[in-house]
Amino acid sequence: MSRYIQQGLDHYLEREVFNGVVGEGVNRLFQSHLTLVRESVDIQAALEGKQWKFPAKDKLGARYAFCIGIGACANQDTAGRVLAIAEELYDRKEAEFAEIVVQTAAGSFAGLMDTSAWSLLRQHHLGKAMLQLRRI
């Protein structure tokens, strides 16, 4: 599906195409998620190091979409930025969401713990807290 999203299909056409790819029921949920992400979260900008804004407390779905989206983008090239975002969330008193970023990143990128960014995270309060609680 990401291939179709990257092609920039018209939103109406996108719905029709995805109905055929994943089925109407799953697509209904996916379209809701896409709308949420497109209106509330700019994951690409955050990964590029641009200014980003964490969704407001009343936008719980957008908060989870942001954290899971950032974590899912973890790879050899983005690990440092992904973990820096997690640390920033922790520093903003959003520990639960910072942990979601780290846990999603670890699940998405098997080599995360072999990066220098991981070593730095272990020195940050977030990494220490997660290690102490055995969440990583």
Protein backbone atom coordinates (compact mmCIF):
# COMPACT_ATOMS: atom_id res chain seq x y z
CA MET A 1 0.00 0.00 0.00
CA SER A 2 2.88 2.39 0.66
CA ARG A 3 3.73 2.22 -3.03
CA TYR A 4 0.27 3.57 -3.86
CA ILE A 5 0.49 6.29 -1.22
CA GLN A 6 3.87 7.42 -2.53
CA GLN A 7 2.40 7.70 -6.04
CA GLY A 8 0.08 10.39 -4.71
CA LEU A 9 -3.24 8.97 -5.80
CA ASP A 10 -6.30 11.20 -5.59
CA HIS A 11 -8.01 10.48 -2.24
CA TYR A 12 -11.21 9.20 -3.86
CA LEU A 13 -9.22 6.92 -6.18
CA GLU A 14 -7.05 5.86 -3.25
CA ARG A 15 -10.14 4.56 -1.42
CA GLU A 16 -11.18 2.52 -4.45
CA VAL A 17 -7.70 1.08 -5.00
CA PHE A 18 -7.26 0.12 -1.35
CA ASN A 19 -10.69 -1.51 -1.25
CA GLY A 20 -9.35 -3.83 -3.92
CA VAL A 21 -6.01 -4.36 -2.18
CA VAL A 22 -7.04 -4.99 1.44
CA GLY A 23 -10.83 -5.18 1.38
CA GLU A 24 -13.49 -2.68 2.33
CA GLY A 25 -13.54 -3.31 6.08
CA VAL A 26 -9.79 -3.00 6.63
CA ASN A 27 -9.64 -0.07 4.24
CA ARG A 28 -12.29 1.82 6.22
CA LEU A 29 -10.04 1.64 9.29
CA PHE A 30 -6.96 2.45 7.25
CA GLN A 31 -8.58 5.51 5.65
CA SER A 32 -9.47 6.85 9.10
CA HIS A 33 -5.85 6.39 10.15
CA LEU A 34 -4.57 8.08 7.00
CA THR A 35 -6.84 11.08 7.55
CA LEU A 36 -5.65 11.38 11.13
CA VAL A 37 -2.00 11.20 10.13
CA ARG A 38 -2.36 13.59 7.21
CA GLU A 39 -4.16 16.20 9.28
CA SER A 40 -2.29 15.94 12.56
CA VAL A 41 1.18 14.49 12.15
CA ASP A 42 4.14 15.22 9.90
CA ILE A 43 6.42 12.27 10.50
CA GLN A 44 8.64 12.99 7.52
CA ALA A 45 9.36 16.54 8.71
CA ALA A 46 10.25 15.26 12.18
CA LEU A 47 12.61 12.66 10.72
CA GLU A 48 14.25 15.31 8.56
CA GLY A 49 15.08 17.31 11.68
CA LYS A 50 12.55 20.03 11.01
CA GLN A 51 10.45 21.61 13.72
CA TRP A 52 7.70 19.22 14.81
CA LYS A 53 4.75 19.54 17.10
CA PHE A 54 3.45 16.71 19.25
CA PRO A 55 -0.34 16.45 18.96
CA ALA A 56 -2.43 17.93 21.77
CA LYS A 57 -3.56 15.77 24.69
CA ASP A 58 -7.13 15.62 23.34
CA LYS A 59 -5.81 14.05 20.09
CA LEU A 60 -4.89 10.69 21.60
CA GLY A 61 -5.12 8.82 18.29
CA ALA A 62 -2.79 11.34 16.64
CA ARG A 63 -0.34 11.00 19.52
CA TYR A 64 -0.18 7.23 19.08
CA ALA A 65 -0.01 7.58 15.29
CA PHE A 66 2.96 9.93 15.64
CA CYS A 67 4.86 7.68 18.04
CA ILE A 68 4.22 4.46 16.19
CA GLY A 69 4.93 6.15 12.86
CA ILE A 70 8.24 7.56 14.06
CA GLY A 71 9.31 4.27 15.63
CA ALA A 72 8.33 2.27 12.56
CA CYS A 73 10.66 4.41 10.46
CA ALA A 74 13.74 3.28 12.39
CA ASN A 75 16.56 1.94 10.25
CA GLN A 76 20.33 2.32 10.06
CA ASP A 77 20.01 5.84 8.63
CA THR A 78 17.24 7.15 10.89
CA ALA A 79 17.97 5.47 14.23
CA GLY A 80 19.68 8.53 15.67
CA ARG A 81 16.84 10.86 14.80
CA VAL A 82 14.15 8.41 15.94
CA LEU A 83 15.76 7.98 19.35
CA ALA A 84 16.42 11.73 19.65
CA ILE A 85 12.69 12.32 19.15
CA ALA A 86 11.96 9.75 21.87
CA GLU A 87 14.36 11.52 24.21
CA GLU A 88 12.75 14.87 23.43
CA LEU A 89 9.31 13.46 24.20
CA TYR A 90 10.63 12.16 27.51
CA ASP A 91 12.12 15.57 28.31
CA ARG A 92 8.71 17.12 27.56
CA LYS A 93 7.21 14.88 30.28
CA GLU A 94 5.67 12.49 27.73
CA ALA A 95 7.44 9.35 29.00
CA GLU A 96 4.71 6.92 27.94
CA PHE A 97 4.89 8.11 24.36
CA ALA A 98 8.68 8.20 24.36
CA GLU A 99 8.67 4.55 25.37
CA ILE A 100 6.27 3.73 22.54
CA VAL A 101 8.70 5.26 20.05
CA VAL A 102 11.60 3.21 21.43
CA GLN A 103 9.65 -0.04 21.64
CA THR A 104 8.27 0.37 18.12
CA ALA A 105 11.71 1.22 16.79
CA ALA A 106 13.22 -1.86 18.45
CA GLY A 107 10.51 -4.03 16.93
CA SER A 108 10.90 -2.47 13.47
CA PHE A 109 14.68 -2.38 13.20
CA ALA A 110 16.53 -5.45 14.45
CA GLY A 111 19.86 -3.64 14.33
CA LEU A 112 18.78 -0.77 16.57
CA MET A 113 20.72 -2.00 19.58
CA ASP A 114 23.91 -2.09 17.50
CA THR A 115 23.80 1.64 16.71
CA SER A 116 25.67 4.44 18.43
CA ALA A 117 22.29 6.10 18.97
CA TRP A 118 21.28 3.16 21.17
CA SER A 119 24.42 3.61 23.27
CA LEU A 120 23.54 7.28 23.72
CA LEU A 121 19.95 6.41 24.66
CA ARG A 122 21.22 4.18 27.46
CA GLN A 123 22.87 7.26 29.00
CA HIS A 124 19.69 9.36 28.79
CA HIS A 125 17.08 9.29 31.57
CA LEU A 126 14.64 7.58 29.16
CA GLY A 127 17.00 4.70 28.47
CA LYS A 128 17.91 4.32 32.12
CA ALA A 129 14.24 4.27 33.14
CA MET A 130 13.32 1.73 30.48
CA LEU A 131 16.25 -0.51 31.40
CA GLN A 132 15.41 -0.30 35.10
CA LEU A 133 11.79 -1.26 34.38
CA ARG A 134 12.95 -3.91 31.89
CA ARG A 135 10.93 -2.38 29.08
CA ILE A 136 13.83 -2.74 26.65
